[in-house]
Every structure is written in C-alpha cells, then in structure tokens.
Amino acid sequence: MTVAEIAKLSSVEELDRHIAASAERDVWIFKHSLTCGISSAAWRPFQQFAGDAPSDDGPRFAVIEIQNARDLSRAVAERLEVRHESPQALLIRDGRVVWHASHWDIDRRALEAAS
C-alpha cells in the first residue's frame, strides 16, 4: 500500500477537478495560512491523517496556500457554499461539503471521526 499524497491546488480548474472527483471518492481540502501559527498547528495532524490513508482507493487530499491563491480560496467558499476560514479542513463527498472545521477544531480525532 502506498500512502496518499497532498496535492497543492493553485487554480480554479484544479479545484473543479477535485470537486468532480468527489463523486467517486472523498476529497479533503486544507486551506492553509503560511503565516499563522494556528494554521501550522492544524496542518500537522492533517498531514499525518493524509499520510496514513491509502492512495490506491482512499480519499484524495489537497492543500490551498491562501497567500498564494486568494482567488482560489474565495472560489472554495463560493462553489462549496461554506464561509472562508483559515485554517480550514473540508471533507467533500458528491460535490458537497459534508464536514468542515477550522482553527483548533482541526485535529486527528476530528478528522478520523468525520471520515
């Protein structure tokens, strides 16, 4: 078994592909602020969670670095109808957000419970 990778999203087209892929398997997106200590703290358990997931038939994982992709971060809020926060973890299934959390609510236990 190989472990899942975390793709860095940088365009709305990539986002749309991930949303479409959620019809086949779960998609996790992490919105990450590169300058926020809380975001760094939440990023670690997200990475560990993704690292333990199988890549073959498990969920897909992606990260959006909001300082480098502000338009994309806004597109997430618009397309998925969820208020922008950072850090923010979203679980997408069948094109819809079925779970999301932000700030200190993003930890390993919460991610596992949502999946």
C-alpha atoms as a PDB file:
ATOM      1  CA  MET A   1       0.000   0.000   0.000  1.00  0.00           C
ATOM      2  CA  THR A   2       1.276   3.445  -0.871  1.00  0.00           C
ATOM      3  CA  VAL A   3       0.195   6.446   1.162  1.00  0.00           C
ATOM      4  CA  ALA A   4      -1.850   9.332  -0.168  1.00  0.00           C
ATOM      5  CA  GLU A   5      -0.167  12.484  -1.353  1.00  0.00           C
ATOM      6  CA  ILE A   6      -1.380  16.019  -0.699  1.00  0.00           C
ATOM      7  CA  ALA A   7      -1.749  17.948  -3.949  1.00  0.00           C
ATOM      8  CA  LYS A   8      -1.163  21.697  -3.879  1.00  0.00           C
ATOM      9  CA  LEU A   9      -4.079  23.386  -5.648  1.00  0.00           C
ATOM     10  CA  SER A  10      -3.329  26.623  -7.461  1.00  0.00           C
ATOM     11  CA  SER A  11      -6.180  27.073  -9.944  1.00  0.00           C
ATOM     12  CA  VAL A  12      -9.957  27.009 -10.031  1.00  0.00           C
ATOM     13  CA  GLU A  13      -9.729  24.309 -12.703  1.00  0.00           C
ATOM     14  CA  GLU A  14      -7.821  22.047 -10.285  1.00  0.00           C
ATOM     15  CA  LEU A  15     -10.439  22.745  -7.622  1.00  0.00           C
ATOM     16  CA  ASP A  16     -13.227  21.846 -10.036  1.00  0.00           C
ATOM     17  CA  ARG A  17     -11.470  18.552 -10.877  1.00  0.00           C
ATOM     18  CA  HIS A  18     -11.227  17.692  -7.195  1.00  0.00           C
ATOM     19  CA  ILE A  19     -14.890  18.540  -6.607  1.00  0.00           C
ATOM     20  CA  ALA A  20     -15.863  16.346  -9.584  1.00  0.00           C
ATOM     21  CA  ALA A  21     -13.651  13.528  -8.260  1.00  0.00           C
ATOM     22  CA  SER A  22     -15.624  13.576  -5.010  1.00  0.00           C
ATOM     23  CA  ALA A  23     -18.350  11.656  -6.839  1.00  0.00           C
ATOM     24  CA  GLU A  24     -16.010   8.641  -6.833  1.00  0.00           C
ATOM     25  CA  ARG A  25     -14.093   9.061  -3.572  1.00  0.00           C
ATOM     26  CA  ASP A  26     -13.873  11.503  -0.684  1.00  0.00           C
ATOM     27  CA  VAL A  27     -11.839  14.659  -1.163  1.00  0.00           C
ATOM     28  CA  TRP A  28     -10.204  16.539   1.696  1.00  0.00           C
ATOM     29  CA  ILE A  29      -9.075  20.136   1.259  1.00  0.00           C
ATOM     30  CA  PHE A  30      -6.993  22.048   3.778  1.00  0.00           C
ATOM     31  CA  LYS A  31      -6.897  25.837   3.496  1.00  0.00           C
ATOM     32  CA  HIS A  32      -3.560  26.842   4.979  1.00  0.00           C
ATOM     33  CA  SER A  33      -2.220  30.217   6.016  1.00  0.00           C
ATOM     34  CA  LEU A  34       1.546  30.202   5.712  1.00  0.00           C
ATOM     35  CA  THR A  35       1.892  32.954   8.329  1.00  0.00           C
ATOM     36  CA  CYS A  36      -0.439  31.682  11.049  1.00  0.00           C
ATOM     37  CA  GLY A  37       0.733  29.608  13.996  1.00  0.00           C
ATOM     38  CA  ILE A  38      -2.718  28.068  14.477  1.00  0.00           C
ATOM     39  CA  SER A  39      -2.705  27.021  10.828  1.00  0.00           C
ATOM     40  CA  SER A  40       0.704  25.399  11.239  1.00  0.00           C
ATOM     41  CA  ALA A  41      -0.569  23.539  14.302  1.00  0.00           C
ATOM     42  CA  ALA A  42      -3.619  22.244  12.381  1.00  0.00           C
ATOM     43  CA  TRP A  43      -1.558  21.403   9.282  1.00  0.00           C
ATOM     44  CA  ARG A  44       0.489  18.762  11.138  1.00  0.00           C
ATOM     45  CA  PRO A  45      -2.410  16.447  12.062  1.00  0.00           C
ATOM     46  CA  PHE A  46      -3.892  16.908   8.588  1.00  0.00           C
ATOM     47  CA  GLN A  47      -0.593  15.776   7.047  1.00  0.00           C
ATOM     48  CA  GLN A  48      -0.407  12.784   9.404  1.00  0.00           C
ATOM     49  CA  PHE A  49      -4.020  11.852   8.639  1.00  0.00           C
ATOM     50  CA  ALA A  50      -3.343  12.026   4.892  1.00  0.00           C
ATOM     51  CA  GLY A  51      -0.085  10.125   5.318  1.00  0.00           C
ATOM     52  CA  ASP A  52      -1.899   7.212   6.903  1.00  0.00           C
ATOM     53  CA  ALA A  53      -4.527   6.989   4.157  1.00  0.00           C
ATOM     54  CA  PRO A  54      -4.071   4.552   1.261  1.00  0.00           C
ATOM     55  CA  SER A  55      -3.516   6.225  -2.092  1.00  0.00           C
ATOM     56  CA  ASP A  56      -4.970   3.431  -4.214  1.00  0.00           C
ATOM     57  CA  ASP A  57      -8.617   3.622  -3.233  1.00  0.00           C
ATOM     58  CA  GLY A  58      -8.632   6.060  -0.323  1.00  0.00           C
ATOM     59  CA  PRO A  59      -9.568   9.712  -0.247  1.00  0.00           C
ATOM     60  CA  ARG A  60      -7.804  12.437  -2.204  1.00  0.00           C
ATOM     61  CA  PHE A  61      -6.065  15.232  -0.306  1.00  0.00           C
ATOM     62  CA  ALA A  62      -5.280  18.788  -1.332  1.00  0.00           C
ATOM     63  CA  VAL A  63      -3.975  21.974   0.223  1.00  0.00           C
ATOM     64  CA  ILE A  64      -4.552  25.588  -0.732  1.00  0.00           C
ATOM     65  CA  GLU A  65      -1.929  28.065   0.460  1.00  0.00           C
ATOM     66  CA  ILE A  66      -4.178  31.070   0.801  1.00  0.00           C
ATOM     67  CA  GLN A  67      -1.443  33.707   0.462  1.00  0.00           C
ATOM     68  CA  ASN A  68      -0.535  32.242  -2.923  1.00  0.00           C
ATOM     69  CA  ALA A  69      -4.073  31.560  -4.135  1.00  0.00           C
ATOM     70  CA  ARG A  70      -6.547  34.109  -2.772  1.00  0.00           C
ATOM     71  CA  ASP A  71      -8.902  33.816  -5.764  1.00  0.00           C
ATOM     72  CA  LEU A  72      -8.923  30.054  -5.362  1.00  0.00           C
ATOM     73  CA  SER A  73      -9.669  30.356  -1.666  1.00  0.00           C
ATOM     74  CA  ARG A  74     -12.649  32.581  -2.476  1.00  0.00           C
ATOM     75  CA  ALA A  75     -13.789  30.095  -5.144  1.00  0.00           C
ATOM     76  CA  VAL A  76     -13.904  27.355  -2.499  1.00  0.00           C
ATOM     77  CA  ALA A  77     -16.287  29.463  -0.412  1.00  0.00           C
ATOM     78  CA  GLU A  78     -18.463  30.275  -3.420  1.00  0.00           C
ATOM     79  CA  ARG A  79     -18.569  26.833  -5.070  1.00  0.00           C
ATOM     80  CA  LEU A  80     -18.943  24.837  -1.874  1.00  0.00           C
ATOM     81  CA  GLU A  81     -21.099  27.373  -0.021  1.00  0.00           C
ATOM     82  CA  VAL A  82     -19.015  27.429   3.120  1.00  0.00           C
ATOM     83  CA  ARG A  83     -17.698  30.533   4.848  1.00  0.00           C
ATOM     84  CA  HIS A  84     -13.972  31.134   4.351  1.00  0.00           C
ATOM     85  CA  GLU A  85     -11.812  30.460   7.366  1.00  0.00           C
ATOM     86  CA  SER A  86      -8.148  29.743   7.788  1.00  0.00           C
ATOM     87  CA  PRO A  87      -7.048  27.242   8.690  1.00  0.00           C
ATOM     88  CA  GLN A  88      -9.954  25.189   7.449  1.00  0.00           C
ATOM     89  CA  ALA A  89     -10.395  21.492   6.662  1.00  0.00           C
ATOM     90  CA  LEU A  90     -13.220  20.387   4.380  1.00  0.00           C
ATOM     91  CA  LEU A  91     -14.480  16.929   3.501  1.00  0.00           C
ATOM     92  CA  ILE A  92     -16.209  16.861   0.115  1.00  0.00           C
ATOM     93  CA  ARG A  93     -18.445  13.996  -0.953  1.00  0.00           C
ATOM     94  CA  ASP A  94     -20.575  14.002  -4.109  1.00  0.00           C
ATOM     95  CA  GLY A  95     -19.717  17.641  -4.791  1.00  0.00           C
ATOM     96  CA  ARG A  96     -20.849  18.900  -1.382  1.00  0.00           C
ATOM     97  CA  VAL A  97     -19.117  19.725   1.869  1.00  0.00           C
ATOM     98  CA  VAL A  98     -20.281  17.106   4.360  1.00  0.00           C
ATOM     99  CA  TRP A  99     -17.961  18.222   7.176  1.00  0.00           C
ATOM    100  CA  HIS A 100     -15.695  21.148   7.891  1.00  0.00           C
ATOM    101  CA  ALA A 101     -13.769  22.572  10.805  1.00  0.00           C
ATOM    102  CA  SER A 102     -11.453  25.454  11.453  1.00  0.00           C
ATOM    103  CA  HIS A 103      -8.732  26.562  13.813  1.00  0.00           C
ATOM    104  CA  TRP A 104      -8.298  24.418  16.942  1.00  0.00           C
ATOM    105  CA  ASP A 105     -11.180  22.127  15.918  1.00  0.00           C
ATOM    106  CA  ILE A 106      -8.868  20.518  13.340  1.00  0.00           C
ATOM    107  CA  ASP A 107      -7.137  17.596  15.000  1.00  0.00           C
ATOM    108  CA  ARG A 108      -6.522  13.948  14.270  1.00  0.00           C
ATOM    109  CA  ARG A 109      -9.529  12.717  16.236  1.00  0.00           C
ATOM    110  CA  ALA A 110     -11.916  15.106  14.463  1.00  0.00           C
ATOM    111  CA  LEU A 111     -10.565  14.169  11.019  1.00  0.00           C
ATOM    112  CA  GLU A 112     -10.896  10.452  11.748  1.00  0.00           C
ATOM    113  CA  ALA A 113     -14.429  10.860  13.129  1.00  0.00           C
ATOM    114  CA  ALA A 114     -15.518  12.789  10.020  1.00  0.00           C
ATOM    115  CA  SER A 115     -14.204  10.237   7.527  1.00  0.00           C
END
